[in-house]
Amino acid sequence: MRTGHCTNIFSTSTSGYFPCLLHEVPKWHIQALYSIILFCVFLWIPFVYFYYEERDDENVNTCSQVKNALKYTVGFAIVCVALLLIGAFVPLEPPPQKNATQWEKVQYLFEELGSGHGLTALAFSISSLTLIGMLAVITYTAYGMSVLPLNLIKGTRSVAYERLENTEDIDDVEHQIEKLKSKCKDGRPLSSRDRNNLQELEGKLQVLRRRGRHLEIAERTCCNKVGSALRPFKIILGIFFILVALLFTVALFISNLDKALHSAGISSGFIIFGTNLTNPLNELLLTLQPVFPLDYILITIITMYFVLTSMAGIRNMGIWFFWIRLYKIRPKKTRPQALLFLCMILLLIVLHTSYMIYSLAPQYVMYGSQKYLLQNPSSGLTSGNASFGTTRVCDADAPEDQCIVTRSYLFLHKFWFFSTIYYFGNWAFIGVFLIGLVVSCCRGKKSVIEGEVEADDSDVSDDEYVH
């Protein structure tokens, strides 16, 4: 007897005793949604990016901009086609396992999604993008989860104190410049070392004067006064964010530990059916699911939390390609190309959130609140073939014909080697979060004009911002 039935994106049953209305979601819906993501990542965003790159050249007209942008976008399209072809013909059969029982369930998982090459190719392409999203989550989200709440708790430095400190630095640099210039009053030229020092001091003085202008404006604006009034609210919000971050970290650690102890190993992608260790976030989602739509509200909050912390991480670190910093994210000074990179990174992070939610709440993503009826033969003086049934939550021991794994779970775990990489990526995420937490605790309060003034800014851009 089947008492719960659901295979939509997550779990849509409002009760464990009623089948879900969205069980028969057509596969083309999944293909359409993920195809839109491929279109944005490989066609639309690259085209707009290179269009703005060509726009920086004043001698290029609109037609040339479009032509050159399309030329560069073709390269991304070729990469997309290559991923689709690889996904359509890549072998899915992993090596055999010693644990036959677990391996049979893993084989069933791979076969459940179907043998269509189109959906398999799409799954491989999306998994490849999710892998890039995992790197972004490890780099930006893990750091943002530590820096955002601690910045809210610690607050910013006093504007008046910063202005006083900046004025003292300006006087000190001007004194050093006058001291160096005094060496050539009698007509003797400065040495190469003194000339280099003088050039560095003049550049530093220019930056300090720009900081002074920005600090003067910050002191006059109402935002500074409003921020001081909202200080208690910021502290409460920061404490809430850090508690949520610790909850996610604990849930992720328990989930990974469960996989390490009870899965079939690396070649199965550390896949397990059900949970063996108590996961607080998983239990919370299972508790909220019968009351529609509380579980969806919590999923939305989790996704928005990842987006906010990711934006905080990108805001503090900038956009990097390995060891090269490509762009900075600053108020009123961010280039259009940087905004496009920001949109792509956030898109990939949200894409990886699907797997993160599985890691945070595996039981909820796999089965939701599905339950099955376990028949127990009667005993004693009862006549006939009567039997008693007990309802149980779906897990690895449930009959395959009574508990159905969600399509999202099957789609994410179509390729066992991606699941293996995601597993180790979760450990890296935990490590980066803890390191970022220590670094954020050791750092002092940030400046009230953090990121607004840089040494490579021009006076023109500074005047545009100030006025």
Protein backbone atom coordinates (compact mmCIF):
# COMPACT_ATOMS: atom_id res chain seq x y z
CA MET A 1 0.00 0.00 0.00
CA ARG A 2 1.39 3.40 -0.98
CA THR A 3 0.59 6.24 1.37
CA GLY A 4 2.84 9.00 0.10
CA HIS A 5 3.84 9.72 -3.47
CA CYS A 6 5.87 12.62 -4.81
CA THR A 7 8.48 13.12 -7.54
CA ASN A 8 8.42 16.83 -8.23
CA ILE A 9 11.40 19.16 -7.81
CA PHE A 10 11.51 18.70 -4.09
CA SER A 11 8.56 17.24 -2.24
CA THR A 12 5.10 18.58 -2.76
CA SER A 13 2.88 16.38 -0.72
CA THR A 14 1.01 18.22 1.98
CA SER A 15 0.65 15.08 4.02
CA GLY A 16 2.41 11.77 4.23
CA TYR A 17 -0.91 9.98 3.67
CA PHE A 18 -1.98 11.63 0.42
CA PRO A 19 -0.45 11.34 -3.02
CA CYS A 20 0.99 14.49 -4.51
CA LEU A 21 -0.78 16.14 -7.37
CA LEU A 22 2.45 17.09 -9.12
CA HIS A 23 3.82 13.57 -9.22
CA GLU A 24 3.55 13.24 -12.98
CA VAL A 25 5.60 16.33 -13.83
CA PRO A 26 6.61 15.91 -17.51
CA LYS A 27 10.34 15.56 -18.13
CA TRP A 28 10.21 18.27 -20.77
CA HIS A 29 9.45 20.77 -17.99
CA ILE A 30 12.80 19.93 -16.40
CA GLN A 31 14.51 20.11 -19.78
CA ALA A 32 12.97 23.51 -20.54
CA LEU A 33 13.99 25.07 -17.22
CA TYR A 34 17.57 23.82 -17.34
CA SER A 35 17.84 24.70 -21.04
CA ILE A 36 17.07 28.32 -20.11
CA ILE A 37 20.02 28.21 -17.69
CA LEU A 38 22.30 26.88 -20.44
CA PHE A 39 21.10 29.63 -22.77
CA CYS A 40 21.86 32.34 -20.22
CA VAL A 41 25.28 31.00 -19.25
CA PHE A 42 26.63 30.06 -22.68
CA LEU A 43 24.88 32.54 -24.99
CA TRP A 44 23.12 35.54 -23.51
CA ILE A 45 25.56 36.62 -20.74
CA PRO A 46 28.72 36.10 -22.89
CA PHE A 47 27.14 38.06 -25.75
CA VAL A 48 26.24 41.03 -23.54
CA TYR A 49 29.66 40.90 -21.84
CA PHE A 50 31.64 41.07 -25.07
CA TYR A 51 29.23 43.67 -26.45
CA TYR A 52 30.17 46.00 -23.59
CA GLU A 53 33.84 45.11 -24.02
CA GLU A 54 33.69 46.29 -27.63
CA ARG A 55 31.69 49.34 -26.56
CA ASP A 56 34.74 50.67 -24.69
CA ASP A 57 36.38 51.26 -28.07
CA GLU A 58 35.11 54.59 -29.41
CA ASN A 59 36.01 53.75 -33.02
CA VAL A 60 33.65 50.75 -33.22
CA ASN A 61 30.05 51.20 -34.35
CA THR A 62 27.03 49.21 -33.17
CA CYS A 63 27.13 46.70 -36.03
CA SER A 64 30.79 45.93 -35.38
CA GLN A 65 30.06 45.55 -31.67
CA VAL A 66 27.34 42.98 -32.35
CA LYS A 67 29.50 41.16 -34.90
CA ASN A 68 32.52 40.90 -32.61
CA ALA A 69 30.34 39.89 -29.63
CA LEU A 70 28.76 37.10 -31.69
CA LYS A 71 32.20 35.94 -32.79
CA TYR A 72 33.36 35.47 -29.21
CA THR A 73 30.01 33.97 -28.14
CA VAL A 74 30.44 31.18 -30.71
CA GLY A 75 33.29 29.83 -28.58
CA PHE A 76 30.96 29.45 -25.59
CA ALA A 77 28.36 27.80 -27.81
CA ILE A 78 30.96 25.26 -28.93
CA VAL A 79 31.74 24.46 -25.29
CA CYS A 80 28.02 23.96 -24.62
CA VAL A 81 27.65 21.61 -27.60
CA ALA A 82 30.74 19.68 -26.47
CA LEU A 83 29.29 19.18 -22.99
CA LEU A 84 25.99 17.98 -24.45
CA LEU A 85 27.76 15.48 -26.72
CA ILE A 86 29.93 14.18 -23.90
CA GLY A 87 26.88 13.81 -21.67
CA ALA A 88 24.95 11.94 -24.36
CA PHE A 89 27.63 9.25 -24.84
CA VAL A 90 29.54 9.12 -21.55
CA PRO A 91 29.35 5.65 -19.94
CA LEU A 92 27.29 5.69 -16.76
CA GLU A 93 28.05 2.23 -15.43
CA PRO A 94 30.44 2.51 -12.48
CA PRO A 95 32.67 -0.38 -11.38
CA PRO A 96 31.03 -3.15 -9.33
CA GLN A 97 30.88 -2.98 -5.56
CA LYS A 98 31.36 -5.55 -2.88
CA ASN A 99 28.22 -4.45 -1.03
CA ALA A 100 25.62 -5.97 -3.32
CA THR A 101 22.58 -4.62 -1.48
CA GLN A 102 23.72 -1.00 -1.56
CA TRP A 103 24.96 -1.35 -5.12
CA GLU A 104 21.62 -2.62 -6.36
CA LYS A 105 19.99 0.49 -4.99
CA VAL A 106 22.64 2.69 -6.63
CA GLN A 107 22.05 0.96 -9.96
CA TYR A 108 18.34 1.49 -9.53
CA LEU A 109 18.96 5.19 -8.94
CA PHE A 110 20.92 5.54 -12.18
CA GLU A 111 18.32 3.66 -14.19
CA GLU A 112 15.34 5.47 -12.67
CA LEU A 113 15.73 8.66 -14.69
CA GLY A 114 15.41 6.80 -17.99
CA SER A 115 17.65 5.97 -20.88
CA GLY A 116 16.96 9.08 -23.03
CA HIS A 117 20.20 10.57 -24.31
CA GLY A 118 18.72 14.06 -24.45
CA LEU A 119 18.00 14.26 -20.72
CA THR A 120 21.32 12.56 -19.95
CA ALA A 121 23.21 15.12 -22.05
CA LEU A 122 21.37 17.95 -20.31
CA ALA A 123 22.10 16.42 -16.91
CA PHE A 124 25.82 16.26 -17.72
CA SER A 125 25.88 19.90 -18.86
CA ILE A 126 23.98 21.11 -15.80
CA SER A 127 26.21 19.03 -13.52
CA SER A 128 29.28 20.63 -15.11
CA LEU A 129 27.86 24.09 -14.43
CA THR A 130 26.93 22.99 -10.91
CA LEU A 131 30.57 22.00 -10.43
CA ILE A 132 31.62 25.56 -11.28
CA GLY A 133 28.89 26.79 -8.95
CA MET A 134 30.40 24.62 -6.22
CA LEU A 135 33.73 26.45 -6.62
CA ALA A 136 31.90 29.78 -6.34
CA VAL A 137 30.06 28.58 -3.24
CA ILE A 138 33.31 27.45 -1.62
CA THR A 139 35.03 30.73 -2.51
CA TYR A 140 32.35 33.36 -1.93
CA THR A 141 29.41 31.88 -0.01
CA ALA A 142 31.51 30.17 2.65
CA TYR A 143 33.44 33.37 3.29
CA GLY A 144 30.31 35.54 3.09
CA MET A 145 28.56 33.37 5.72
CA SER A 146 31.27 34.41 8.19
CA VAL A 147 32.01 38.00 7.15
CA LEU A 148 28.40 39.24 6.80
CA PRO A 149 27.15 38.48 10.34
CA LEU A 150 30.40 39.56 12.01
CA ASN A 151 30.41 42.87 10.12
CA LEU A 152 26.84 43.46 11.29
CA ILE A 153 27.80 42.67 14.87
CA LYS A 154 31.03 44.70 14.94
CA GLY A 155 29.68 47.64 12.95
CA THR A 156 31.82 50.33 11.31
CA ARG A 157 34.41 52.75 12.62
CA SER A 158 33.47 56.24 13.75
CA VAL A 159 33.44 58.76 10.90
CA ALA A 160 34.80 61.55 13.09
CA TYR A 161 37.68 59.37 14.28
CA GLU A 162 38.47 58.28 10.73
CA ARG A 163 38.55 61.90 9.53
CA LEU A 164 40.91 62.84 12.36
CA GLU A 165 43.14 59.88 11.62
CA ASN A 166 43.09 60.66 7.89
CA THR A 167 44.03 64.32 8.56
CA GLU A 168 46.99 63.20 10.66
CA ASP A 169 48.11 60.85 7.87
CA ILE A 170 47.88 63.69 5.34
CA ASP A 171 50.02 65.95 7.54
CA ASP A 172 52.57 63.17 8.02
CA VAL A 173 52.83 62.44 4.28
CA GLU A 174 53.10 66.17 3.42
CA HIS A 175 55.91 66.50 5.96
CA GLN A 176 57.77 63.58 4.37
CA ILE A 177 57.31 65.10 0.90
CA GLU A 178 58.65 68.47 2.05
CA LYS A 179 61.59 66.70 3.66
CA LEU A 180 62.48 64.96 0.40
CA LYS A 181 62.05 68.12 -1.68
CA SER A 182 64.32 70.04 0.67
CA LYS A 183 67.23 67.88 -0.48
CA CYS A 184 67.18 69.46 -3.93
CA LYS A 185 66.77 73.12 -2.92
CA ASP A 186 70.44 73.82 -3.64
CA GLY A 187 70.06 72.48 -7.18
CA ARG A 188 71.29 68.95 -6.56
CA PRO A 189 69.13 66.24 -8.23
CA LEU A 190 67.42 63.62 -6.13
CA SER A 191 68.70 60.07 -6.18
CA SER A 192 66.64 57.41 -7.95
CA ARG A 193 65.60 55.99 -4.59
CA ASP A 194 64.38 59.39 -3.36
CA ARG A 195 62.54 60.00 -6.62
CA ASN A 196 60.71 56.68 -6.26
CA ASN A 197 59.86 57.46 -2.65
CA LEU A 198 58.61 60.91 -3.64
CA GLN A 199 56.40 59.43 -6.35
CA GLU A 200 54.93 56.90 -3.93
CA LEU A 201 54.28 59.57 -1.30
CA GLU A 202 52.53 61.82 -3.82
CA GLY A 203 50.30 58.93 -4.90
CA LYS A 204 49.53 58.13 -1.26
CA LEU A 205 48.73 61.78 -0.58
CA GLN A 206 46.29 61.83 -3.50
CA VAL A 207 44.47 58.77 -2.12
CA LEU A 208 44.33 60.27 1.37
CA ARG A 209 42.82 63.48 0.06
CA ARG A 210 40.17 61.53 -1.82
CA ARG A 211 39.43 59.58 1.37
CA GLY A 212 39.04 62.87 3.18
CA ARG A 213 36.45 64.07 0.65
CA HIS A 214 34.50 60.82 0.91
CA LEU A 215 34.63 60.87 4.72
CA GLU A 216 33.39 64.46 4.78
CA ILE A 217 30.41 63.51 2.60
CA ALA A 218 29.73 60.37 4.68
CA GLU A 219 29.64 62.49 7.83
CA ARG A 220 27.03 64.84 6.32
CA THR A 221 24.71 62.15 4.94
CA CYS A 222 21.69 60.88 6.81
CA CYS A 223 22.64 57.22 6.18
CA ASN A 224 25.32 57.41 8.86
CA LYS A 225 22.84 58.70 11.46
CA VAL A 226 20.19 56.16 10.47
CA GLY A 227 22.82 53.39 10.66
CA SER A 228 23.68 54.44 14.22
CA ALA A 229 20.00 54.34 15.19
CA LEU A 230 19.61 50.84 13.72
CA ARG A 231 22.71 49.51 15.51
CA PRO A 232 20.77 47.22 17.93
CA PHE A 233 18.78 45.76 15.04
CA LYS A 234 22.02 45.06 13.13
CA ILE A 235 23.50 43.24 16.12
CA ILE A 236 20.39 41.06 16.45
CA LEU A 237 20.40 40.35 12.71
CA GLY A 238 24.12 39.49 12.82
CA ILE A 239 23.60 37.05 15.70
CA PHE A 240 20.73 35.44 13.78
CA PHE A 241 22.88 35.09 10.64
CA ILE A 242 25.77 33.51 12.51
CA LEU A 243 23.42 31.03 14.21
CA VAL A 244 21.96 30.09 10.82
CA ALA A 245 25.47 29.66 9.43
CA LEU A 246 26.41 27.37 12.30
CA LEU A 247 23.18 25.38 11.79
CA PHE A 248 24.01 24.89 8.10
CA THR A 249 27.58 23.89 8.90
CA VAL A 250 26.49 21.34 11.51
CA ALA A 251 23.83 19.90 9.16
CA LEU A 252 26.36 19.67 6.33
CA PHE A 253 28.93 18.00 8.59
CA ILE A 254 26.39 15.42 9.83
CA SER A 255 25.27 14.68 6.26
CA ASN A 256 28.84 14.19 5.04
CA LEU A 257 29.68 12.06 8.06
CA ASP A 258 26.62 9.91 7.36
CA LYS A 259 27.79 9.42 3.77
CA ALA A 260 31.30 8.55 4.89
CA LEU A 261 30.02 5.90 7.32
CA HIS A 262 27.08 4.37 5.46
CA SER A 263 27.55 4.87 1.71
CA ALA A 264 29.06 2.41 -0.76
CA GLY A 265 32.16 4.57 -1.28
CA ILE A 266 33.76 6.83 -3.87
CA SER A 267 32.74 4.92 -6.99
CA SER A 268 29.07 5.20 -6.03
CA GLY A 269 29.27 8.93 -5.43
CA PHE A 270 28.84 8.49 -1.66
CA ILE A 271 25.13 8.02 -2.33
CA ILE A 272 22.90 6.83 0.48
CA PHE A 273 19.16 6.21 0.60
CA GLY A 274 17.78 7.71 3.76
CA THR A 275 19.51 9.12 6.82
CA ASN A 276 21.23 7.26 9.61
CA LEU A 277 22.28 10.24 11.75
CA THR A 278 19.92 12.88 13.11
CA ASN A 279 20.15 16.02 11.00
CA PRO A 280 18.49 19.09 12.62
CA LEU A 281 17.65 20.90 9.37
CA ASN A 282 16.36 17.70 7.77
CA GLU A 283 14.07 17.07 10.75
CA LEU A 284 12.84 20.65 10.66
CA LEU A 285 11.87 20.44 6.98
CA LEU A 286 10.13 17.10 7.48
CA THR A 287 8.18 18.60 10.39
CA LEU A 288 7.10 21.65 8.40
CA GLN A 289 6.19 19.79 5.22
CA PRO A 290 2.71 18.55 6.27
CA VAL A 291 1.69 22.21 6.83
CA PHE A 292 1.69 23.66 3.32
CA PRO A 293 3.57 25.85 2.37
CA LEU A 294 5.90 26.17 5.38
CA ASP A 295 8.57 23.94 3.89
CA TYR A 296 8.62 26.02 0.69
CA ILE A 297 8.97 29.19 2.74
CA LEU A 298 11.96 27.71 4.55
CA ILE A 299 13.53 26.58 1.26
CA THR A 300 13.07 30.12 -0.09
CA ILE A 301 14.68 31.58 3.02
CA ILE A 302 17.64 29.20 2.68
CA THR A 303 18.11 30.14 -0.98
CA MET A 304 17.91 33.86 -0.24
CA TYR A 305 20.37 33.41 2.62
CA PHE A 306 22.85 31.81 0.22
CA VAL A 307 22.35 34.68 -2.25
CA LEU A 308 22.86 37.37 0.42
CA THR A 309 25.96 35.76 1.88
CA SER A 310 27.36 35.16 -1.61
CA MET A 311 26.89 38.83 -2.49
CA ALA A 312 28.61 39.79 0.78
CA GLY A 313 31.54 37.52 -0.08
CA ILE A 314 31.83 38.92 -3.61
CA ARG A 315 31.52 42.48 -2.27
CA ASN A 316 34.43 41.96 0.14
CA MET A 317 36.68 39.87 -2.12
CA GLY A 318 35.91 41.11 -5.62
CA ILE A 319 35.72 38.86 -8.67
CA TRP A 320 38.80 36.66 -9.10
CA PHE A 321 40.03 34.24 -11.73
CA PHE A 322 42.44 32.01 -9.81
CA TRP A 323 45.04 34.49 -8.44
CA ILE A 324 44.07 37.38 -10.76
CA ARG A 325 41.50 39.90 -9.55
CA LEU A 326 39.33 40.84 -12.51
CA TYR A 327 36.82 43.31 -11.06
CA LYS A 328 35.87 45.12 -7.88
CA ILE A 329 32.30 45.55 -6.69
CA ARG A 330 31.93 49.09 -5.37
CA PRO A 331 29.08 51.60 -4.95
CA LYS A 332 28.38 53.52 -8.19
CA LYS A 333 31.72 52.42 -9.67
CA THR A 334 31.09 48.82 -10.74
CA ARG A 335 31.65 48.25 -14.45
CA PRO A 336 28.88 46.62 -16.54
CA GLN A 337 31.14 43.64 -17.21
CA ALA A 338 31.58 43.13 -13.47
CA LEU A 339 27.81 43.19 -12.97
CA LEU A 340 27.42 40.52 -15.66
CA PHE A 341 30.06 38.39 -13.95
CA LEU A 342 28.19 38.92 -10.69
CA CYS A 343 24.92 37.76 -12.27
CA MET A 344 26.58 34.65 -13.73
CA ILE A 345 28.24 33.77 -10.42
CA LEU A 346 24.96 34.14 -8.54
CA LEU A 347 23.18 32.04 -11.18
CA LEU A 348 25.72 29.23 -10.75
CA ILE A 349 25.53 29.52 -6.96
CA VAL A 350 21.74 29.20 -7.01
CA LEU A 351 22.15 26.22 -9.36
CA HIS A 352 24.48 24.55 -6.86
CA THR A 353 21.99 25.35 -4.08
CA SER A 354 19.90 22.41 -5.34
CA TYR A 355 22.67 20.04 -4.32
CA MET A 356 23.43 21.99 -1.15
CA ILE A 357 19.84 21.59 0.01
CA TYR A 358 20.15 17.85 -0.61
CA SER A 359 23.31 17.82 1.52
CA LEU A 360 21.59 19.86 4.25
CA ALA A 361 18.36 17.79 4.24
CA PRO A 362 18.87 14.49 2.36
CA GLN A 363 15.75 12.72 3.61
CA TYR A 364 13.52 15.66 2.67
CA VAL A 365 14.95 15.93 -0.84
CA MET A 366 14.92 12.18 -1.51
CA TYR A 367 11.50 11.17 -0.16
CA GLY A 368 9.89 14.15 1.51
CA SER A 369 7.25 13.00 3.98
CA GLN A 370 6.34 9.84 2.04
CA LYS A 371 5.32 6.89 4.17
CA TYR A 372 4.60 3.27 3.37
CA LEU A 373 2.54 0.58 5.02
CA LEU A 374 4.45 -2.37 6.40
CA GLN A 375 2.28 -5.47 6.61
CA ASN A 376 2.70 -7.55 9.77
CA PRO A 377 1.07 -11.01 9.91
CA SER A 378 -1.44 -11.46 12.73
CA SER A 379 -0.75 -13.73 15.65
CA GLY A 380 -2.77 -15.25 18.45
CA LEU A 381 -6.40 -16.37 18.23
CA THR A 382 -7.31 -14.14 15.28
CA SER A 383 -8.94 -16.22 12.60
CA GLY A 384 -8.36 -15.96 8.85
CA ASN A 385 -5.53 -14.29 7.04
CA ALA A 386 -5.82 -10.94 8.85
CA SER A 387 -2.72 -8.79 9.10
CA PHE A 388 -1.82 -5.55 10.77
CA GLY A 389 0.05 -2.70 9.12
CA THR A 390 2.33 -0.04 10.54
CA THR A 391 3.25 3.15 8.70
CA ARG A 392 6.91 4.03 8.39
CA VAL A 393 8.80 6.91 6.87
CA CYS A 394 10.36 6.01 3.52
CA ASP A 395 14.03 5.12 3.74
CA ALA A 396 16.56 2.71 2.23
CA ASP A 397 14.68 -0.33 3.59
CA ALA A 398 11.38 0.63 1.97
CA PRO A 399 10.08 -1.40 -0.99
CA GLU A 400 10.92 0.23 -4.31
CA ASP A 401 7.29 0.08 -5.46
CA GLN A 402 6.05 2.01 -2.43
CA CYS A 403 8.57 4.83 -2.08
CA ILE A 404 9.68 6.87 -5.06
CA VAL A 405 12.79 9.04 -5.12
CA THR A 406 12.21 12.62 -6.31
CA ARG A 407 13.18 13.51 -9.86
CA SER A 408 15.42 16.32 -8.66
CA TYR A 409 17.46 13.84 -6.63
CA LEU A 410 17.75 11.51 -9.61
CA PHE A 411 18.73 14.36 -11.91
CA LEU A 412 21.44 15.60 -9.55
CA HIS A 413 22.88 12.11 -9.08
CA LYS A 414 22.79 10.88 -12.65
CA PHE A 415 26.61 10.82 -12.74
CA TRP A 416 28.28 9.25 -9.75
CA PHE A 417 31.62 11.02 -10.32
CA PHE A 418 29.99 14.44 -9.96
CA SER A 419 28.43 13.31 -6.69
CA THR A 420 31.89 12.30 -5.47
CA ILE A 421 33.29 15.74 -6.29
CA TYR A 422 30.35 17.42 -4.56
CA TYR A 423 30.99 15.32 -1.47
CA PHE A 424 34.58 16.51 -1.13
CA GLY A 425 33.45 20.02 -2.06
CA ASN A 426 31.21 20.02 1.02
CA TRP A 427 34.22 19.32 3.22
CA ALA A 428 36.08 22.18 1.51
CA PHE A 429 33.07 24.43 2.13
CA ILE A 430 33.14 23.64 5.85
CA GLY A 431 36.90 24.29 6.00
CA VAL A 432 36.69 27.64 4.19
CA PHE A 433 33.81 28.75 6.42
CA LEU A 434 35.78 27.99 9.59
CA ILE A 435 38.88 29.75 8.23
CA GLY A 436 36.80 32.76 7.19
CA LEU A 437 35.19 32.83 10.63
CA VAL A 438 38.59 33.01 12.32
CA VAL A 439 39.85 35.69 9.91
CA SER A 440 36.68 37.77 10.33
CA CYS A 441 36.94 37.56 14.12
CA CYS A 442 40.56 38.74 14.06
CA ARG A 443 39.90 41.69 11.76
CA GLY A 444 38.84 45.01 13.25
CA LYS A 445 35.88 47.15 12.32
CA LYS A 446 35.63 48.08 8.67
CA SER A 447 35.76 51.66 7.44
CA VAL A 448 32.52 53.53 6.81
CA ILE A 449 33.74 54.09 3.22
CA GLU A 450 35.05 50.55 2.76
CA GLY A 451 35.90 49.93 -0.91
CA GLU A 452 34.95 53.40 -2.13
CA VAL A 453 38.50 54.71 -2.55
CA GLU A 454 41.28 52.72 -4.22
CA ALA A 455 44.78 53.69 -5.28
CA ASP A 456 44.05 53.02 -8.96
CA ASP A 457 40.98 55.30 -9.06
CA SER A 458 41.12 58.36 -11.25
CA ASP A 459 40.16 61.84 -10.09
CA VAL A 460 37.43 61.92 -12.73
CA SER A 461 35.72 58.80 -11.40
CA ASP A 462 36.10 60.09 -7.87
CA ASP A 463 34.43 63.39 -8.76
CA GLU A 464 31.61 61.52 -10.47
CA TYR A 465 30.97 59.58 -7.30
CA VAL A 466 31.25 62.51 -4.93
CA HIS A 467 29.11 64.92 -6.89
